[in-house]
């Protein structure tokens, strides 16, 4: 039941365009979260000549950051609703 509520909340957030803003707000006080540690480790591991695949790219949060570090970034998002809201050029 909680999973369904979370999924519904995320869907509504995407539909009204709040996801990027909510992600930025979340980053203000959740610096010790798993996702924050994962992101830091991921970005540290990318080298200038790498080709990085972002599978499940969602709206391009990591894709945008990876594109500043890697030579190539291939982003794939199977949910059309998410990819249409991407902030990254296709």
Protein backbone atom coordinates (compact mmCIF):
# COMPACT_ATOMS: atom_id res chain seq x y z
CA UNK A 1 0.00 0.00 0.00
CA UNK A 2 2.83 2.41 0.82
CA UNK A 3 4.56 1.54 -2.45
CA UNK A 4 1.40 2.35 -4.41
CA UNK A 5 1.05 5.68 -2.60
CA UNK A 6 4.68 6.56 -3.35
CA UNK A 7 4.24 5.60 -6.99
CA UNK A 8 1.09 7.70 -7.28
CA UNK A 9 2.78 10.69 -5.61
CA UNK A 10 5.75 10.45 -8.02
CA UNK A 11 3.43 10.19 -10.99
CA UNK A 12 1.48 13.28 -9.95
CA UNK A 13 4.72 15.15 -9.27
CA UNK A 14 5.96 14.32 -12.79
CA UNK A 15 2.66 15.27 -14.43
CA UNK A 16 2.59 18.73 -12.84
CA UNK A 17 6.32 19.30 -13.40
CA UNK A 18 7.40 19.37 -9.75
CA UNK A 19 9.98 16.57 -9.83
CA UNK A 20 13.10 18.70 -10.54
CA UNK A 21 12.15 21.20 -7.82
CA UNK A 22 11.37 18.48 -5.30
CA UNK A 23 14.70 16.78 -6.05
CA UNK A 24 16.56 20.02 -5.36
CA UNK A 25 14.68 20.58 -2.11
CA UNK A 26 15.35 16.99 -1.01
CA UNK A 27 19.07 17.48 -1.59
CA UNK A 28 19.13 20.31 0.98
CA UNK A 29 18.72 18.03 3.98
CA UNK A 30 19.34 14.46 2.85
CA UNK A 31 23.06 14.62 2.14
CA UNK A 32 23.76 11.32 3.94
CA UNK A 33 21.20 9.31 1.93
CA UNK A 34 22.20 6.25 -0.07
CA UNK A 35 21.33 7.99 -3.34
CA UNK A 36 23.58 10.93 -2.52
CA UNK A 37 26.50 8.61 -1.72
CA UNK A 38 25.79 6.62 -4.89
CA UNK A 39 25.72 9.77 -7.03
CA UNK A 40 29.01 11.01 -5.61
CA UNK A 41 30.70 7.64 -6.20
CA UNK A 42 29.26 7.37 -9.71
CA UNK A 43 30.39 10.83 -10.75
CA UNK A 44 33.87 10.29 -9.26
CA UNK A 45 34.31 7.12 -11.30
CA UNK A 46 33.63 8.70 -14.72
CA UNK A 47 36.66 9.52 -16.86
CA UNK A 48 36.81 11.96 -19.81
CA UNK A 49 36.98 9.26 -22.52
CA UNK A 50 34.23 7.04 -21.04
CA UNK A 51 30.99 6.07 -22.71
CA UNK A 52 28.35 5.91 -19.97
CA UNK A 53 24.94 4.24 -20.36
CA UNK A 54 22.17 5.72 -18.22
CA UNK A 55 19.52 3.00 -18.26
CA UNK A 56 16.24 4.25 -16.81
CA UNK A 57 17.32 7.85 -17.28
CA UNK A 58 13.98 9.24 -16.06
CA UNK A 59 14.08 13.01 -16.66
CA UNK A 60 17.86 13.20 -17.12
CA UNK A 61 19.10 14.12 -13.63
CA UNK A 62 22.22 11.91 -13.89
CA UNK A 63 22.45 12.17 -17.67
CA UNK A 64 22.97 15.90 -17.47
CA UNK A 65 25.74 15.56 -14.87
CA UNK A 66 27.39 12.65 -16.66
CA UNK A 67 27.45 14.57 -19.94
CA UNK A 68 29.79 17.10 -18.33
CA UNK A 69 32.28 14.36 -17.42
CA UNK A 70 32.16 11.62 -20.07
CA UNK A 71 32.87 11.70 -23.77
CA UNK A 72 29.58 9.97 -24.60
CA UNK A 73 26.39 9.39 -22.62
CA UNK A 74 23.69 7.09 -23.92
CA UNK A 75 20.44 7.63 -22.02
CA UNK A 76 17.49 5.29 -22.27
CA UNK A 77 14.11 5.90 -20.62
CA UNK A 78 11.36 3.38 -21.43
CA UNK A 79 8.54 5.49 -19.96
CA UNK A 80 7.56 8.04 -22.61
CA UNK A 81 6.07 10.41 -20.02
CA UNK A 82 9.46 10.74 -18.33
CA UNK A 83 11.52 11.13 -21.47
CA UNK A 84 9.18 13.83 -22.78
CA UNK A 85 9.95 15.86 -19.63
CA UNK A 86 13.70 15.46 -19.98
CA UNK A 87 15.89 18.51 -19.50
CA UNK A 88 18.56 16.93 -21.71
CA UNK A 89 18.61 17.38 -25.47
CA UNK A 90 17.98 14.24 -27.48
